[in-house]
């Protein structure tokens, strides 16, 4: 459970409070991102991007009690962008490049 007083303080610009909120929710955001993206580096990036966006926009948060849901929504958008990049990269793979890759030696 996120303490709404800490969220309110972060919303008012208190950097220490924002750091406390970060510590409270970052592990859960990371687990969701890792499950969604399946890649540790991309999960870390998505969580970092989420916190940067949240830091910039926390003053617009209407209800401190909905902070966690708000953060999960931001994370969801970030993860969707990463997945879209995965799909785009996959579509840009040239089949001839794959076919020309040398095969592994026997016994490996």
N, C-alpha and C. Protein backbone atom coordinates (compact mmCIF):
# COMPACT_ATOMS: atom_id res chain seq x y z
N UNK A 1 0.84 -1.19 0.00
CA UNK A 1 0.00 0.00 0.00
C UNK A 1 0.89 1.25 0.00
N UNK A 2 0.54 2.17 -0.87
CA UNK A 2 1.29 3.41 -0.98
C UNK A 2 0.69 4.45 -0.04
N UNK A 3 1.54 5.08 0.73
CA UNK A 3 1.11 6.11 1.67
C UNK A 3 0.74 7.37 0.89
N UNK A 4 -0.52 7.76 0.96
CA UNK A 4 -0.99 8.91 0.18
C UNK A 4 -0.36 10.22 0.63
N UNK A 5 0.05 10.30 1.89
CA UNK A 5 0.72 11.51 2.37
C UNK A 5 2.08 11.68 1.69
N UNK A 6 2.78 10.58 1.49
CA UNK A 6 4.07 10.65 0.79
C UNK A 6 3.84 11.04 -0.66
N UNK A 7 2.81 10.48 -1.28
CA UNK A 7 2.48 10.84 -2.66
C UNK A 7 2.13 12.32 -2.75
N UNK A 8 1.34 12.80 -1.80
CA UNK A 8 0.97 14.23 -1.77
C UNK A 8 2.21 15.11 -1.65
N UNK A 9 3.14 14.71 -0.81
CA UNK A 9 4.37 15.47 -0.64
C UNK A 9 5.20 15.45 -1.93
N UNK A 10 5.25 14.30 -2.58
CA UNK A 10 5.97 14.20 -3.86
C UNK A 10 5.30 15.09 -4.90
N UNK A 11 3.99 15.10 -4.89
CA UNK A 11 3.22 15.92 -5.82
C UNK A 11 3.51 17.41 -5.61
N UNK A 12 3.81 17.78 -4.38
CA UNK A 12 4.13 19.17 -4.06
C UNK A 12 5.58 19.52 -4.37
N UNK A 13 6.33 18.54 -4.89
CA UNK A 13 7.70 18.82 -5.33
C UNK A 13 8.80 18.29 -4.42
N UNK A 14 8.45 17.57 -3.37
CA UNK A 14 9.45 17.04 -2.45
C UNK A 14 10.15 15.83 -3.09
N UNK A 15 11.42 16.02 -3.43
CA UNK A 15 12.19 14.98 -4.12
C UNK A 15 12.41 13.75 -3.24
N UNK A 16 12.60 13.96 -1.95
CA UNK A 16 12.79 12.83 -1.04
C UNK A 16 11.54 11.96 -0.98
N UNK A 17 10.39 12.60 -0.99
CA UNK A 17 9.13 11.84 -0.99
C UNK A 17 8.98 11.05 -2.29
N UNK A 18 9.36 11.65 -3.39
CA UNK A 18 9.29 10.93 -4.66
C UNK A 18 10.22 9.73 -4.63
N UNK A 19 11.40 9.89 -4.04
CA UNK A 19 12.34 8.77 -3.91
C UNK A 19 11.74 7.66 -3.05
N UNK A 20 11.03 8.04 -1.99
CA UNK A 20 10.37 7.04 -1.14
C UNK A 20 9.30 6.28 -1.91
N UNK A 21 8.51 7.00 -2.68
CA UNK A 21 7.47 6.37 -3.49
C UNK A 21 8.12 5.43 -4.51
N UNK A 22 9.21 5.89 -5.09
CA UNK A 22 9.95 5.06 -6.04
C UNK A 22 10.34 3.74 -5.38
N UNK A 23 10.93 3.82 -4.19
CA UNK A 23 11.37 2.62 -3.48
C UNK A 23 10.20 1.68 -3.17
N UNK A 24 9.02 2.25 -2.93
CA UNK A 24 7.85 1.44 -2.60
C UNK A 24 7.31 0.67 -3.80
N UNK A 25 7.35 1.25 -4.96
CA UNK A 25 6.65 0.66 -6.10
C UNK A 25 7.57 0.11 -7.19
N UNK A 26 8.83 0.51 -7.21
CA UNK A 26 9.74 0.09 -8.29
C UNK A 26 9.85 -1.43 -8.45
N UNK A 27 9.99 -2.21 -7.37
CA UNK A 27 10.10 -3.66 -7.55
C UNK A 27 8.88 -4.28 -8.23
N UNK A 28 7.69 -3.81 -7.88
CA UNK A 28 6.48 -4.35 -8.50
C UNK A 28 6.40 -3.94 -9.97
N UNK A 29 6.75 -2.70 -10.27
CA UNK A 29 6.76 -2.27 -11.67
C UNK A 29 7.75 -3.09 -12.48
N UNK A 30 8.91 -3.35 -11.90
CA UNK A 30 9.92 -4.14 -12.60
C UNK A 30 9.41 -5.55 -12.89
N UNK A 31 8.76 -6.17 -11.91
CA UNK A 31 8.22 -7.53 -12.13
C UNK A 31 7.20 -7.54 -13.28
N UNK A 32 6.34 -6.55 -13.31
CA UNK A 32 5.34 -6.47 -14.38
C UNK A 32 6.02 -6.26 -15.72
N UNK A 33 6.98 -5.36 -15.77
CA UNK A 33 7.69 -5.08 -17.02
C UNK A 33 8.48 -6.30 -17.49
N UNK A 34 9.12 -6.99 -16.58
CA UNK A 34 9.89 -8.17 -16.96
C UNK A 34 8.97 -9.26 -17.48
N UNK A 35 7.86 -9.46 -16.82
CA UNK A 35 6.89 -10.46 -17.28
C UNK A 35 6.36 -10.09 -18.68
N UNK A 36 6.09 -8.82 -18.88
CA UNK A 36 5.53 -8.36 -20.15
C UNK A 36 6.55 -8.40 -21.28
N UNK A 37 7.78 -7.97 -20.99
CA UNK A 37 8.78 -7.82 -22.04
C UNK A 37 9.72 -9.00 -22.16
N UNK A 38 9.91 -9.75 -21.08
CA UNK A 38 10.76 -10.93 -21.12
C UNK A 38 12.23 -10.64 -21.27
N UNK A 39 12.64 -9.42 -20.99
CA UNK A 39 14.02 -9.01 -21.17
C UNK A 39 14.38 -8.05 -20.03
N UNK A 40 15.43 -8.38 -19.28
CA UNK A 40 15.78 -7.58 -18.10
C UNK A 40 16.12 -6.14 -18.45
N UNK A 41 16.92 -5.94 -19.50
CA UNK A 41 17.34 -4.59 -19.87
C UNK A 41 16.14 -3.74 -20.30
N UNK A 42 15.28 -4.32 -21.12
CA UNK A 42 14.10 -3.57 -21.56
C UNK A 42 13.15 -3.29 -20.40
N UNK A 43 13.05 -4.23 -19.47
CA UNK A 43 12.21 -4.01 -18.28
C UNK A 43 12.75 -2.86 -17.45
N UNK A 44 14.06 -2.83 -17.25
CA UNK A 44 14.68 -1.73 -16.50
C UNK A 44 14.46 -0.41 -17.21
N UNK A 45 14.60 -0.42 -18.54
CA UNK A 45 14.38 0.81 -19.32
C UNK A 45 12.94 1.28 -19.18
N UNK A 46 11.99 0.36 -19.29
CA UNK A 46 10.57 0.73 -19.20
C UNK A 46 10.25 1.33 -17.83
N UNK A 47 10.80 0.74 -16.78
CA UNK A 47 10.55 1.27 -15.43
C UNK A 47 11.19 2.65 -15.28
N UNK A 48 12.41 2.80 -15.76
CA UNK A 48 13.07 4.11 -15.69
C UNK A 48 12.29 5.17 -16.44
N UNK A 49 11.84 4.83 -17.66
CA UNK A 49 11.05 5.76 -18.45
C UNK A 49 9.74 6.12 -17.74
N UNK A 50 9.16 5.13 -17.08
CA UNK A 50 7.92 5.35 -16.33
C UNK A 50 8.14 6.37 -15.22
N UNK A 51 9.22 6.22 -14.48
CA UNK A 51 9.48 7.14 -13.38
C UNK A 51 9.84 8.54 -13.87
N UNK A 52 10.54 8.63 -14.98
CA UNK A 52 10.84 9.95 -15.53
C UNK A 52 9.54 10.66 -15.91
N UNK A 53 8.66 9.93 -16.60
CA UNK A 53 7.39 10.51 -17.00
C UNK A 53 6.54 10.88 -15.77
N UNK A 54 6.53 10.00 -14.77
CA UNK A 54 5.76 10.26 -13.56
C UNK A 54 6.30 11.48 -12.81
N UNK A 55 7.61 11.59 -12.75
CA UNK A 55 8.22 12.72 -12.06
C UNK A 55 7.81 14.03 -12.73
N UNK A 56 7.81 14.01 -14.05
CA UNK A 56 7.44 15.22 -14.78
C UNK A 56 5.96 15.55 -14.65
N UNK A 57 5.11 14.52 -14.50
CA UNK A 57 3.68 14.75 -14.53
C UNK A 57 2.94 14.56 -13.23
N UNK A 58 3.66 14.32 -12.13
CA UNK A 58 2.98 14.01 -10.87
C UNK A 58 2.09 15.15 -10.38
N UNK A 59 2.41 16.37 -10.75
CA UNK A 59 1.57 17.51 -10.32
C UNK A 59 0.17 17.42 -10.93
N UNK A 60 0.03 16.66 -12.01
CA UNK A 60 -1.28 16.51 -12.67
C UNK A 60 -2.10 15.35 -12.10
N UNK A 61 -1.52 14.59 -11.18
CA UNK A 61 -2.24 13.48 -10.56
C UNK A 61 -3.37 14.04 -9.70
N UNK A 62 -4.59 13.65 -10.01
CA UNK A 62 -5.75 14.20 -9.30
C UNK A 62 -5.97 13.57 -7.94
N UNK A 63 -5.78 12.25 -7.87
CA UNK A 63 -6.10 11.52 -6.64
C UNK A 63 -4.87 10.75 -6.17
N UNK A 64 -4.32 11.15 -5.05
CA UNK A 64 -3.12 10.48 -4.53
C UNK A 64 -3.36 9.00 -4.28
N UNK A 65 -4.60 8.63 -3.98
CA UNK A 65 -4.94 7.24 -3.73
C UNK A 65 -4.87 6.37 -4.97
N UNK A 66 -4.87 6.98 -6.13
CA UNK A 66 -4.79 6.21 -7.39
C UNK A 66 -3.38 6.21 -7.96
N UNK A 67 -2.39 6.58 -7.16
CA UNK A 67 -1.01 6.67 -7.64
C UNK A 67 -0.53 5.37 -8.27
N UNK A 68 -0.76 4.26 -7.59
CA UNK A 68 -0.27 2.97 -8.11
C UNK A 68 -0.91 2.66 -9.46
N UNK A 69 -2.22 2.84 -9.56
CA UNK A 69 -2.91 2.59 -10.82
C UNK A 69 -2.37 3.51 -11.92
N UNK A 70 -2.11 4.76 -11.58
CA UNK A 70 -1.56 5.74 -12.51
C UNK A 70 -0.19 5.28 -13.00
N UNK A 71 0.64 4.82 -12.08
CA UNK A 71 1.98 4.34 -12.46
C UNK A 71 1.89 3.10 -13.35
N UNK A 72 0.98 2.21 -13.03
CA UNK A 72 0.81 1.00 -13.85
C UNK A 72 0.33 1.35 -15.26
N UNK A 73 -0.48 2.37 -15.36
CA UNK A 73 -0.95 2.81 -16.68
C UNK A 73 0.21 3.36 -17.50
N UNK A 74 1.04 4.17 -16.87
CA UNK A 74 2.21 4.71 -17.56
C UNK A 74 3.12 3.56 -17.99
N UNK A 75 3.36 2.62 -17.09
CA UNK A 75 4.21 1.47 -17.41
C UNK A 75 3.63 0.66 -18.57
N UNK A 76 2.34 0.47 -18.56
CA UNK A 76 1.68 -0.28 -19.61
C UNK A 76 1.92 0.36 -20.98
N UNK A 77 1.81 1.66 -21.04
CA UNK A 77 2.05 2.38 -22.31
C UNK A 77 3.51 2.19 -22.73
N UNK A 78 4.42 2.29 -21.79
CA UNK A 78 5.85 2.11 -22.11
C UNK A 78 6.12 0.70 -22.61
N UNK A 79 5.55 -0.28 -21.96
CA UNK A 79 5.75 -1.68 -22.38
C UNK A 79 5.17 -1.92 -23.77
N UNK A 80 4.00 -1.34 -24.05
CA UNK A 80 3.40 -1.49 -25.37
C UNK A 80 4.31 -0.89 -26.45
N UNK A 81 4.96 0.21 -26.13
CA UNK A 81 5.89 0.81 -27.09
C UNK A 81 7.08 -0.11 -27.35
N UNK A 82 7.58 -0.74 -26.31
CA UNK A 82 8.69 -1.68 -26.48
C UNK A 82 8.24 -2.88 -27.32
N UNK A 83 7.07 -3.40 -27.05
CA UNK A 83 6.55 -4.55 -27.82
C UNK A 83 6.37 -4.14 -29.28
N UNK A 84 5.87 -2.94 -29.52
CA UNK A 84 5.72 -2.46 -30.90
C UNK A 84 7.06 -2.41 -31.61
N UNK A 85 8.11 -2.02 -30.89
CA UNK A 85 9.46 -2.00 -31.48
C UNK A 85 9.93 -3.42 -31.79
N UNK A 86 9.63 -4.37 -30.90
CA UNK A 86 9.99 -5.77 -31.16
C UNK A 86 9.35 -6.23 -32.47
N UNK A 87 8.07 -5.91 -32.62
CA UNK A 87 7.33 -6.36 -33.81
C UNK A 87 7.90 -5.69 -35.05
N UNK A 88 8.17 -4.41 -34.96
CA UNK A 88 8.72 -3.68 -36.10
C UNK A 88 10.07 -4.26 -36.51
N UNK A 89 10.93 -4.53 -35.52
CA UNK A 89 12.25 -5.11 -35.80
C UNK A 89 12.11 -6.48 -36.43
N UNK A 90 11.17 -7.25 -35.95
CA UNK A 90 10.96 -8.60 -36.48
C UNK A 90 10.51 -8.55 -37.94
N UNK A 91 9.68 -7.58 -38.27
CA UNK A 91 9.21 -7.43 -39.65
C UNK A 91 10.32 -6.97 -40.58
N UNK A 92 11.35 -6.33 -40.03
CA UNK A 92 12.44 -5.81 -40.84
C UNK A 92 13.56 -6.81 -41.05
N UNK A 93 13.42 -8.02 -40.54
CA UNK A 93 14.44 -9.04 -40.71
C UNK A 93 14.35 -9.58 -42.14
N UNK A 94 15.48 -9.62 -42.80
CA UNK A 94 15.53 -10.12 -44.18
C UNK A 94 15.80 -11.62 -44.13
N UNK A 95 14.93 -12.40 -44.75
CA UNK A 95 15.05 -13.85 -44.74
C UNK A 95 16.37 -14.30 -45.35
N UNK A 96 16.88 -13.57 -46.34
CA UNK A 96 18.16 -13.93 -46.97
C UNK A 96 19.31 -13.82 -45.98
N UNK A 97 19.25 -12.84 -45.07
CA UNK A 97 20.29 -12.71 -44.04
C UNK A 97 20.29 -13.91 -43.12
N UNK A 98 19.11 -14.40 -42.79
CA UNK A 98 19.01 -15.56 -41.91
C UNK A 98 19.54 -16.80 -42.61
N UNK A 99 19.19 -16.96 -43.88
CA UNK A 99 19.61 -18.15 -44.63
C UNK A 99 21.10 -18.18 -44.89
N UNK A 100 21.74 -17.02 -44.94
CA UNK A 100 23.18 -16.95 -45.21
C UNK A 100 24.05 -17.12 -43.97
N UNK A 101 23.45 -17.14 -42.78
CA UNK A 101 24.23 -17.32 -41.55
C UNK A 101 24.85 -18.70 -41.55
N UNK A 102 26.15 -18.77 -41.20
CA UNK A 102 26.80 -20.09 -41.17
C UNK A 102 26.17 -20.97 -40.10
N UNK A 103 26.06 -22.23 -40.39
CA UNK A 103 25.49 -23.16 -39.41
C UNK A 103 26.56 -23.56 -38.40
N UNK A 104 26.09 -24.02 -37.24
CA UNK A 104 27.00 -24.44 -36.18
C UNK A 104 27.68 -25.74 -36.59
N UNK A 105 28.97 -25.94 -36.19
CA UNK A 105 29.65 -27.18 -36.51
C UNK A 105 28.94 -28.37 -35.86
N UNK A 106 29.10 -29.53 -36.46
CA UNK A 106 28.49 -30.74 -35.91
C UNK A 106 28.96 -30.99 -34.49
N UNK A 107 28.05 -31.49 -33.68
CA UNK A 107 28.40 -31.83 -32.31
C UNK A 107 28.25 -30.69 -31.34
N UNK A 108 27.81 -29.53 -31.80
CA UNK A 108 27.66 -28.39 -30.90
C UNK A 108 26.21 -28.23 -30.52
